[in-house]
Amino acid sequence: MLFEADKVMFEIYREVEYTGRYKVVYFTELQDHNKESEINHALAGEHFYDGFIKNYKKDEAKRIIDSLLARLNSGEQFEPEEVERALGEHVAV
């Protein structure tokens, strides 16, 4: 069982007000100076996927998420379940 400090909460969303691009926000890594604006951007966007990744090897998980964002932003379409499949062992429950 993982404790809260052992995982990172994130959301993938599509901006609808500005560029229409897919973005990710790592909620548990936000600092006081950017927390409110980043959360507001995510809330204003179109939800695609949210979940937790393990803090252990999170940089590898973030690279996977970045590659998924690149695919989405290049026009590829896939279901949100593809995020969980791609993350595999990095998903925290």
PDB file of N, CA and C in Angstrom:
ATOM      1  N   MET A   1       0.839  -1.180   0.000  1.00  0.00           N
ATOM      2  CA  MET A   1       0.000   0.000   0.000  1.00  0.00           C
ATOM      3  C   MET A   1       0.887   1.248   0.000  1.00  0.00           C
ATOM      4  N   LEU A   2       0.565   2.188  -0.882  1.00  0.00           N
ATOM      5  CA  LEU A   2       1.337   3.422  -0.973  1.00  0.00           C
ATOM      6  C   LEU A   2       0.706   4.515  -0.121  1.00  0.00           C
ATOM      7  N   PHE A   3       1.556   5.311   0.524  1.00  0.00           N
ATOM      8  CA  PHE A   3       1.090   6.469   1.258  1.00  0.00           C
ATOM      9  C   PHE A   3       1.015   7.653   0.311  1.00  0.00           C
ATOM     10  N   GLU A   4       0.313   8.704   0.714  1.00  0.00           N
ATOM     11  CA  GLU A   4       0.155   9.891  -0.129  1.00  0.00           C
ATOM     12  C   GLU A   4       1.488  10.438  -0.612  1.00  0.00           C
ATOM     13  N   ALA A   5       2.505  10.428   0.223  1.00  0.00           N
ATOM     14  CA  ALA A   5       3.818  10.968  -0.153  1.00  0.00           C
ATOM     15  C   ALA A   5       4.524  10.102  -1.180  1.00  0.00           C
ATOM     16  N   ASP A   6       4.027   8.893  -1.388  1.00  0.00           N
ATOM     17  CA  ASP A   6       4.660   7.964  -2.314  1.00  0.00           C
ATOM     18  C   ASP A   6       4.082   8.034  -3.725  1.00  0.00           C
ATOM     19  N   LYS A   7       3.154   8.955  -3.954  1.00  0.00           N
ATOM     20  CA  LYS A   7       2.528   9.041  -5.276  1.00  0.00           C
ATOM     21  C   LYS A   7       2.284  10.490  -5.674  1.00  0.00           C
ATOM     22  N   VAL A   8       2.146  10.689  -6.975  1.00  0.00           N
ATOM     23  CA  VAL A   8       1.949  12.014  -7.557  1.00  0.00           C
ATOM     24  C   VAL A   8       0.601  12.022  -8.278  1.00  0.00           C
ATOM     25  N   MET A   9      -0.264  12.952  -7.915  1.00  0.00           N
ATOM     26  CA  MET A   9      -1.572  13.078  -8.560  1.00  0.00           C
ATOM     27  C   MET A   9      -1.438  13.972  -9.786  1.00  0.00           C
ATOM     28  N   PHE A  10      -2.038  13.537 -10.898  1.00  0.00           N
ATOM     29  CA  PHE A  10      -1.946  14.312 -12.133  1.00  0.00           C
ATOM     30  C   PHE A  10      -3.251  14.256 -12.912  1.00  0.00           C
ATOM     31  N   GLU A  11      -3.372  15.176 -13.858  1.00  0.00           N
ATOM     32  CA  GLU A  11      -4.510  15.186 -14.783  1.00  0.00           C
ATOM     33  C   GLU A  11      -4.017  15.588 -16.158  1.00  0.00           C
ATOM     34  N   ILE A  12      -4.520  14.872 -17.154  1.00  0.00           N
ATOM     35  CA  ILE A  12      -4.309  15.253 -18.552  1.00  0.00           C
ATOM     36  C   ILE A  12      -5.609  15.894 -19.010  1.00  0.00           C
ATOM     37  N   TYR A  13      -5.497  17.061 -19.597  1.00  0.00           N
ATOM     38  CA  TYR A  13      -6.674  17.795 -20.052  1.00  0.00           C
ATOM     39  C   TYR A  13      -6.359  18.487 -21.370  1.00  0.00           C
ATOM     40  N   ARG A  14      -7.417  18.890 -22.072  1.00  0.00           N
ATOM     41  CA  ARG A  14      -7.253  19.656 -23.307  1.00  0.00           C
ATOM     42  C   ARG A  14      -7.681  21.081 -23.037  1.00  0.00           C
ATOM     43  N   GLU A  15      -6.798  22.018 -23.368  1.00  0.00           N
ATOM     44  CA  GLU A  15      -7.154  23.430 -23.240  1.00  0.00           C
ATOM     45  C   GLU A  15      -8.249  23.747 -24.245  1.00  0.00           C
ATOM     46  N   VAL A  16      -9.274  24.387 -23.803  1.00  0.00           N
ATOM     47  CA  VAL A  16     -10.350  24.760 -24.727  1.00  0.00           C
ATOM     48  C   VAL A  16     -10.382  26.253 -24.982  1.00  0.00           C
ATOM     49  N   GLU A  17      -9.787  27.046 -24.102  1.00  0.00           N
ATOM     50  CA  GLU A  17      -9.840  28.489 -24.249  1.00  0.00           C
ATOM     51  C   GLU A  17      -8.704  29.056 -25.093  1.00  0.00           C
ATOM     52  N   TYR A  18      -7.567  28.383 -25.146  1.00  0.00           N
ATOM     53  CA  TYR A  18      -6.395  28.963 -25.801  1.00  0.00           C
ATOM     54  C   TYR A  18      -5.972  28.168 -27.036  1.00  0.00           C
ATOM     55  N   THR A  19      -5.169  27.166 -26.844  1.00  0.00           N
ATOM     56  CA  THR A  19      -4.544  26.480 -27.971  1.00  0.00           C
ATOM     57  C   THR A  19      -5.250  25.211 -28.420  1.00  0.00           C
ATOM     58  N   GLY A  20      -6.078  24.639 -27.562  1.00  0.00           N
ATOM     59  CA  GLY A  20      -6.716  23.369 -27.880  1.00  0.00           C
ATOM     60  C   GLY A  20      -5.773  22.181 -27.720  1.00  0.00           C
ATOM     61  N   ARG A  21      -4.614  22.421 -27.164  1.00  0.00           N
ATOM     62  CA  ARG A  21      -3.613  21.370 -26.989  1.00  0.00           C
ATOM     63  C   ARG A  21      -3.842  20.619 -25.679  1.00  0.00           C
ATOM     64  N   TYR A  22      -3.369  19.388 -25.672  1.00  0.00           N
ATOM     65  CA  TYR A  22      -3.429  18.574 -24.463  1.00  0.00           C
ATOM     66  C   TYR A  22      -2.257  18.938 -23.560  1.00  0.00           C
ATOM     67  N   LYS A  23      -2.531  18.984 -22.269  1.00  0.00           N
ATOM     68  CA  LYS A  23      -1.516  19.345 -21.277  1.00  0.00           C
ATOM     69  C   LYS A  23      -1.664  18.433 -20.071  1.00  0.00           C
ATOM     70  N   VAL A  24      -0.662  18.464 -19.221  1.00  0.00           N
ATOM     71  CA  VAL A  24      -0.712  17.710 -17.972  1.00  0.00           C
ATOM     72  C   VAL A  24      -0.385  18.655 -16.822  1.00  0.00           C
ATOM     73  N   VAL A  25      -1.021  18.426 -15.705  1.00  0.00           N
ATOM     74  CA  VAL A  25      -0.687  19.141 -14.479  1.00  0.00           C
ATOM     75  C   VAL A  25      -0.462  18.090 -13.395  1.00  0.00           C
ATOM     76  N   TYR A  26       0.647  18.249 -12.685  1.00  0.00           N
ATOM     77  CA  TYR A  26       0.986  17.364 -11.572  1.00  0.00           C
ATOM     78  C   TYR A  26       0.606  18.111 -10.296  1.00  0.00           C
ATOM     79  N   PHE A  27      -0.590  17.855  -9.812  1.00  0.00           N
ATOM     80  CA  PHE A  27      -1.150  18.627  -8.708  1.00  0.00           C
ATOM     81  C   PHE A  27      -0.287  18.597  -7.455  1.00  0.00           C
ATOM     82  N   THR A  28       0.229  17.440  -7.099  1.00  0.00           N
ATOM     83  CA  THR A  28       0.961  17.322  -5.846  1.00  0.00           C
ATOM     84  C   THR A  28       2.356  17.928  -5.917  1.00  0.00           C
ATOM     85  N   GLU A  29       2.766  18.417  -7.085  1.00  0.00           N
ATOM     86  CA  GLU A  29       4.076  19.052  -7.221  1.00  0.00           C
ATOM     87  C   GLU A  29       3.982  20.561  -7.413  1.00  0.00           C
ATOM     88  N   LEU A  30       2.772  21.094  -7.364  1.00  0.00           N
ATOM     89  CA  LEU A  30       2.598  22.534  -7.539  1.00  0.00           C
ATOM     90  C   LEU A  30       3.127  23.288  -6.327  1.00  0.00           C
ATOM     91  N   GLN A  31       3.658  24.456  -6.593  1.00  0.00           N
ATOM     92  CA  GLN A  31       4.159  25.345  -5.546  1.00  0.00           C
ATOM     93  C   GLN A  31       3.113  26.431  -5.296  1.00  0.00           C
ATOM     94  N   ASP A  32       3.262  27.130  -4.205  1.00  0.00           N
ATOM     95  CA  ASP A  32       2.295  28.183  -3.860  1.00  0.00           C
ATOM     96  C   ASP A  32       2.169  29.238  -4.952  1.00  0.00           C
ATOM     97  N   HIS A  33       3.263  29.564  -5.644  1.00  0.00           N
ATOM     98  CA  HIS A  33       3.220  30.642  -6.638  1.00  0.00           C
ATOM     99  C   HIS A  33       2.478  30.263  -7.922  1.00  0.00           C
ATOM    100  N   ASN A  34       2.316  28.964  -8.206  1.00  0.00           N
ATOM    101  CA  ASN A  34       1.630  28.582  -9.449  1.00  0.00           C
ATOM    102  C   ASN A  34       0.423  27.685  -9.222  1.00  0.00           C
ATOM    103  N   LYS A  35       0.140  27.356  -7.993  1.00  0.00           N
ATOM    104  CA  LYS A  35      -0.924  26.392  -7.686  1.00  0.00           C
ATOM    105  C   LYS A  35      -2.279  26.854  -8.220  1.00  0.00           C
ATOM    106  N   GLU A  36      -2.689  28.056  -7.879  1.00  0.00           N
ATOM    107  CA  GLU A  36      -4.023  28.531  -8.251  1.00  0.00           C
ATOM    108  C   GLU A  36      -4.202  28.618  -9.769  1.00  0.00           C
ATOM    109  N   SER A  37      -3.233  29.178 -10.470  1.00  0.00           N
ATOM    110  CA  SER A  37      -3.388  29.337 -11.923  1.00  0.00           C
ATOM    111  C   SER A  37      -3.381  27.989 -12.634  1.00  0.00           C
ATOM    112  N   GLU A  38      -2.528  27.068 -12.216  1.00  0.00           N
ATOM    113  CA  GLU A  38      -2.476  25.753 -12.862  1.00  0.00           C
ATOM    114  C   GLU A  38      -3.759  24.967 -12.629  1.00  0.00           C
ATOM    115  N   ILE A  39      -4.273  25.022 -11.431  1.00  0.00           N
ATOM    116  CA  ILE A  39      -5.533  24.333 -11.128  1.00  0.00           C
ATOM    117  C   ILE A  39      -6.670  24.954 -11.929  1.00  0.00           C
ATOM    118  N   ASN A  40      -6.697  26.277 -12.035  1.00  0.00           N
ATOM    119  CA  ASN A  40      -7.747  26.948 -12.815  1.00  0.00           C
ATOM    120  C   ASN A  40      -7.678  26.579 -14.289  1.00  0.00           C
ATOM    121  N   HIS A  41      -6.465  26.471 -14.851  1.00  0.00           N
ATOM    122  CA  HIS A  41      -6.321  26.046 -16.253  1.00  0.00           C
ATOM    123  C   HIS A  41      -6.890  24.643 -16.441  1.00  0.00           C
ATOM    124  N   ALA A  42      -6.558  23.748 -15.535  1.00  0.00           N
ATOM    125  CA  ALA A  42      -7.045  22.371 -15.641  1.00  0.00           C
ATOM    126  C   ALA A  42      -8.570  22.317 -15.514  1.00  0.00           C
ATOM    127  N   LEU A  43      -9.115  23.081 -14.567  1.00  0.00           N
ATOM    128  CA  LEU A  43     -10.568  23.082 -14.376  1.00  0.00           C
ATOM    129  C   LEU A  43     -11.302  23.657 -15.575  1.00  0.00           C
ATOM    130  N   ALA A  44     -10.690  24.624 -16.250  1.00  0.00           N
ATOM    131  CA  ALA A  44     -11.321  25.236 -17.416  1.00  0.00           C
ATOM    132  C   ALA A  44     -11.198  24.352 -18.654  1.00  0.00           C
ATOM    133  N   GLY A  45     -10.295  23.377 -18.603  1.00  0.00           N
ATOM    134  CA  GLY A  45     -10.067  22.511 -19.753  1.00  0.00           C
ATOM    135  C   GLY A  45     -11.031  21.345 -19.805  1.00  0.00           C
ATOM    136  N   GLU A  46     -10.861  20.548 -20.844  1.00  0.00           N
ATOM    137  CA  GLU A  46     -11.669  19.349 -21.056  1.00  0.00           C
ATOM    138  C   GLU A  46     -10.911  18.150 -20.505  1.00  0.00           C
ATOM    139  N   HIS A  47     -11.451  17.535 -19.468  1.00  0.00           N
ATOM    140  CA  HIS A  47     -10.807  16.412 -18.792  1.00  0.00           C
ATOM    141  C   HIS A  47     -10.584  15.251 -19.767  1.00  0.00           C
ATOM    142  N   PHE A  48      -9.398  14.652 -19.710  1.00  0.00           N
ATOM    143  CA  PHE A  48      -9.110  13.458 -20.505  1.00  0.00           C
ATOM    144  C   PHE A  48      -8.794  12.267 -19.608  1.00  0.00           C
ATOM    145  N   TYR A  49      -7.915  12.441 -18.636  1.00  0.00           N
ATOM    146  CA  TYR A  49      -7.523  11.345 -17.747  1.00  0.00           C
ATOM    147  C   TYR A  49      -6.929  11.927 -16.477  1.00  0.00           C
ATOM    148  N   ASP A  50      -7.181  11.277 -15.354  1.00  0.00           N
ATOM    149  CA  ASP A  50      -6.508  11.655 -14.120  1.00  0.00           C
ATOM    150  C   ASP A  50      -6.166  10.403 -13.338  1.00  0.00           C
ATOM    151  N   GLY A  51      -5.157  10.540 -12.506  1.00  0.00           N
ATOM    152  CA  GLY A  51      -4.750   9.400 -11.712  1.00  0.00           C
ATOM    153  C   GLY A  51      -3.519   9.718 -10.896  1.00  0.00           C
ATOM    154  N   PHE A  52      -2.848   8.659 -10.478  1.00  0.00           N
ATOM    155  CA  PHE A  52      -1.654   8.771  -9.661  1.00  0.00           C
ATOM    156  C   PHE A  52      -0.536   7.951 -10.278  1.00  0.00           C
ATOM    157  N   ILE A  53       0.676   8.479 -10.200  1.00  0.00           N
ATOM    158  CA  ILE A  53       1.853   7.704 -10.558  1.00  0.00           C
ATOM    159  C   ILE A  53       2.694   7.549  -9.298  1.00  0.00           C
ATOM    160  N   LYS A  54       3.457   6.473  -9.266  1.00  0.00           N
ATOM    161  CA  LYS A  54       4.340   6.244  -8.127  1.00  0.00           C
ATOM    162  C   LYS A  54       5.456   7.274  -8.136  1.00  0.00           C
ATOM    163  N   ASN A  55       5.784   7.759  -6.951  1.00  0.00           N
ATOM    164  CA  ASN A  55       6.866   8.726  -6.827  1.00  0.00           C
ATOM    165  C   ASN A  55       8.199   8.096  -7.248  1.00  0.00           C
ATOM    166  N   TYR A  56       8.343   6.802  -6.968  1.00  0.00           N
ATOM    167  CA  TYR A  56       9.533   6.058  -7.360  1.00  0.00           C
ATOM    168  C   TYR A  56       9.553   5.943  -8.882  1.00  0.00           C
ATOM    169  N   LYS A  57      10.575   6.411  -9.527  1.00  0.00           N
ATOM    170  CA  LYS A  57      10.731   6.420 -10.986  1.00  0.00           C
ATOM    171  C   LYS A  57       9.697   7.315 -11.675  1.00  0.00           C
ATOM    172  N   LYS A  58       9.308   8.395 -11.008  1.00  0.00           N
ATOM    173  CA  LYS A  58       8.303   9.289 -11.591  1.00  0.00           C
ATOM    174  C   LYS A  58       8.810   9.975 -12.858  1.00  0.00           C
ATOM    175  N   ASP A  59      10.122  10.178 -12.979  1.00  0.00           N
ATOM    176  CA  ASP A  59      10.651  10.814 -14.185  1.00  0.00           C
ATOM    177  C   ASP A  59      10.401   9.948 -15.411  1.00  0.00           C
ATOM    178  N   GLU A  60      10.511   8.649 -15.250  1.00  0.00           N
ATOM    179  CA  GLU A  60      10.209   7.723 -16.346  1.00  0.00           C
ATOM    180  C   GLU A  60       8.726   7.789 -16.696  1.00  0.00           C
ATOM    181  N   ALA A  61       7.867   7.833 -15.684  1.00  0.00           N
ATOM    182  CA  ALA A  61       6.428   7.945 -15.916  1.00  0.00           C
ATOM    183  C   ALA A  61       6.092   9.258 -16.616  1.00  0.00           C
ATOM    184  N   LYS A  62       6.764  10.343 -16.233  1.00  0.00           N
ATOM    185  CA  LYS A  62       6.513  11.634 -16.869  1.00  0.00           C
ATOM    186  C   LYS A  62       6.939  11.620 -18.334  1.00  0.00           C
ATOM    187  N   ARG A  63       8.002  10.909 -18.656  1.00  0.00           N
ATOM    188  CA  ARG A  63       8.400  10.795 -20.065  1.00  0.00           C
ATOM    189  C   ARG A  63       7.337  10.052 -20.869  1.00  0.00           C
ATOM    190  N   ILE A  64       6.742   9.032 -20.268  1.00  0.00           N
ATOM    191  CA  ILE A  64       5.653   8.305 -20.939  1.00  0.00           C
ATOM    192  C   ILE A  64       4.473   9.238 -21.159  1.00  0.00           C
ATOM    193  N   ILE A  65       4.117  10.007 -20.142  1.00  0.00           N
ATOM    194  CA  ILE A  65       3.001  10.952 -20.265  1.00  0.00           C
ATOM    195  C   ILE A  65       3.307  11.990 -21.336  1.00  0.00           C
ATOM    196  N   ASP A  66       4.533  12.502 -21.376  1.00  0.00           N
ATOM    197  CA  ASP A  66       4.921  13.468 -22.410  1.00  0.00           C
ATOM    198  C   ASP A  66       4.786  12.877 -23.810  1.00  0.00           C
ATOM    199  N   SER A  67       5.145  11.611 -23.961  1.00  0.00           N
ATOM    200  CA  SER A  67       5.021  10.984 -25.285  1.00  0.00           C
ATOM    201  C   SER A  67       3.555  10.803 -25.668  1.00  0.00           C
ATOM    202  N   LEU A  68       2.703  10.517 -24.685  1.00  0.00           N
ATOM    203  CA  LEU A  68       1.267  10.421 -24.957  1.00  0.00           C
ATOM    204  C   LEU A  68       0.694  11.778 -25.352  1.00  0.00           C
ATOM    205  N   LEU A  69       1.139  12.836 -24.674  1.00  0.00           N
ATOM    206  CA  LEU A  69       0.698  14.185 -25.028  1.00  0.00           C
ATOM    207  C   LEU A  69       1.124  14.544 -26.447  1.00  0.00           C
ATOM    208  N   ALA A  70       2.344  14.178 -26.813  1.00  0.00           N
ATOM    209  CA  ALA A  70       2.831  14.453 -28.172  1.00  0.00           C
ATOM    210  C   ALA A  70       1.956  13.749 -29.198  1.00  0.00           C
ATOM    211  N   ARG A  71       1.577  12.517 -28.915  1.00  0.00           N
ATOM    212  CA  ARG A  71       0.700  11.773 -29.833  1.00  0.00           C
ATOM    213  C   ARG A  71      -0.657  12.461 -29.961  1.00  0.00           C
ATOM    214  N   LEU A  72      -1.238  12.843 -28.825  1.00  0.00           N
ATOM    215  CA  LEU A  72      -2.539  13.518 -28.842  1.00  0.00           C
ATOM    216  C   LEU A  72      -2.453  14.853 -29.581  1.00  0.00           C
ATOM    217  N   ASN A  73      -1.402  15.610 -29.316  1.00  0.00           N
ATOM    218  CA  ASN A  73      -1.265  16.933 -29.931  1.00  0.00           C
ATOM    219  C   ASN A  73      -0.895  16.860 -31.405  1.00  0.00           C
ATOM    220  N   SER A  74      -0.464  15.709 -31.872  1.00  0.00           N
ATOM    221  CA  SER A  74      -0.197  15.544 -33.306  1.00  0.00           C
ATOM    222  C   SER A  74      -1.446  15.064 -34.047  1.00  0.00           C
ATOM    223  N   GLY A  75      -2.544  14.884 -33.298  1.00  0.00           N
ATOM    224  CA  GLY A  75      -3.810  14.526 -33.930  1.00  0.00           C
ATOM    225  C   GLY A  75      -4.228  13.083 -33.742  1.00  0.00           C
ATOM    226  N   GLU A  76      -3.376  12.269 -33.141  1.00  0.00           N
ATOM    227  CA  GLU A  76      -3.745  10.873 -32.904  1.00  0.00           C
ATOM    228  C   GLU A  76      -4.860  10.828 -31.864  1.00  0.00           C
ATOM    229  N   GLN A  77      -5.788   9.922 -32.074  1.00  0.00           N
ATOM    230  CA  GLN A  77      -6.887   9.768 -31.136  1.00  0.00           C
ATOM    231  C   GLN A  77      -6.801   8.395 -30.487  1.00  0.00           C
ATOM    232  N   PHE A  78      -6.951   8.369 -29.180  1.00  0.00           N
ATOM    233  CA  PHE A  78      -7.037   7.107 -28.459  1.00  0.00           C
ATOM    234  C   PHE A  78      -7.841   7.327 -27.193  1.00  0.00           C
ATOM    235  N   GLU A  79      -8.281   6.247 -26.618  1.00  0.00           N
ATOM    236  CA  GLU A  79      -9.110   6.291 -25.419  1.00  0.00           C
ATOM    237  C   GLU A  79      -8.245   6.566 -24.182  1.00  0.00           C
ATOM    238  N   PRO A  80      -8.823   7.148 -23.143  1.00  0.00           N
ATOM    239  CA  PRO A  80      -8.070   7.410 -21.917  1.00  0.00           C
ATOM    240  C   PRO A  80      -7.430   6.151 -21.311  1.00  0.00           C
ATOM    241  N   GLU A  81      -8.026   5.002 -21.545  1.00  0.00           N
ATOM    242  CA  GLU A  81      -7.461   3.755 -21.015  1.00  0.00           C
ATOM    243  C   GLU A  81      -6.057   3.482 -21.549  1.00  0.00           C
ATOM    244  N   GLU A  82      -5.722   4.063 -22.694  1.00  0.00           N
ATOM    245  CA  GLU A  82      -4.386   3.907 -23.260  1.00  0.00           C
ATOM    246  C   GLU A  82      -3.330   4.519 -22.331  1.00  0.00           C
ATOM    247  N   VAL A  83      -3.689   5.558 -21.604  1.00  0.00           N
ATOM    248  CA  VAL A  83      -2.754   6.190 -20.665  1.00  0.00           C
ATOM    249  C   VAL A  83      -2.359   5.182 -19.597  1.00  0.00           C
ATOM    250  N   GLU A  84      -3.350   4.521 -19.027  1.00  0.00           N
ATOM    251  CA  GLU A  84      -3.072   3.545 -17.977  1.00  0.00           C
ATOM    252  C   GLU A  84      -2.269   2.361 -18.520  1.00  0.00           C
ATOM    253  N   ARG A  85      -2.602   1.908 -19.712  1.00  0.00           N
ATOM    254  CA  ARG A  85      -1.831   0.810 -20.318  1.00  0.00           C
ATOM    255  C   ARG A  85      -0.392   1.211 -20.543  1.00  0.00           C
ATOM    256  N   ALA A  86      -0.181   2.423 -21.047  1.00  0.00           N
ATOM    257  CA  ALA A  86       1.182   2.883 -21.339  1.00  0.00           C
ATOM    258  C   ALA A  86       1.998   3.073 -20.053  1.00  0.00           C
ATOM    259  N   LEU A  87       1.350   3.541 -18.998  1.00  0.00           N
ATOM    260  CA  LEU A  87       2.050   3.759 -17.741  1.00  0.00           C
ATOM    261  C   LEU A  87       2.380   2.457 -17.022  1.00  0.00           C
ATOM    262  N   GLY A  88       1.547   1.442 -17.221  1.00  0.00           N
ATOM    263  CA  GLY A  88       1.805   0.122 -16.663  1.00  0.00           C
ATOM    264  C   GLY A  88       2.133   0.140 -15.186  1.00  0.00           C
ATOM    265  N   GLU A  89       3.323  -0.306 -14.832  1.00  0.00           N
ATOM    266  CA  GLU A  89       3.730  -0.442 -13.436  1.00  0.00           C
ATOM    267  C   GLU A  89       3.913   0.886 -12.713  1.00  0.00           C
ATOM    268  N   HIS A  90       3.877   1.981 -13.439  1.00  0.00           N
ATOM    269  CA  HIS A  90       4.029   3.301 -12.823  1.00  0.00           C
ATOM    270  C   HIS A  90       2.735   3.808 -12.180  1.00  0.00           C
ATOM    271  N   VAL A  91       1.616   3.183 -12.508  1.00  0.00           N
ATOM    272  CA  VAL A  91       0.334   3.611 -11.943  1.00  0.00           C
ATOM    273  C   VAL A  91       0.284   3.252 -10.461  1.00  0.00           C
ATOM    274  N   ALA A  92      -0.100   4.222  -9.663  1.00  0.00           N
ATOM    275  CA  ALA A  92      -0.260   4.002  -8.216  1.00  0.00           C
ATOM    276  C   ALA A  92      -1.745   3.931  -7.889  1.00  0.00           C
ATOM    277  N   VAL A  93      -2.087   3.062  -6.983  1.00  0.00           N
ATOM    278  CA  VAL A  93      -3.483   2.931  -6.560  1.00  0.00           C
ATOM    279  C   VAL A  93      -3.643   3.310  -5.112  1.00  0.00           C
TER     280      VAL A  93
END
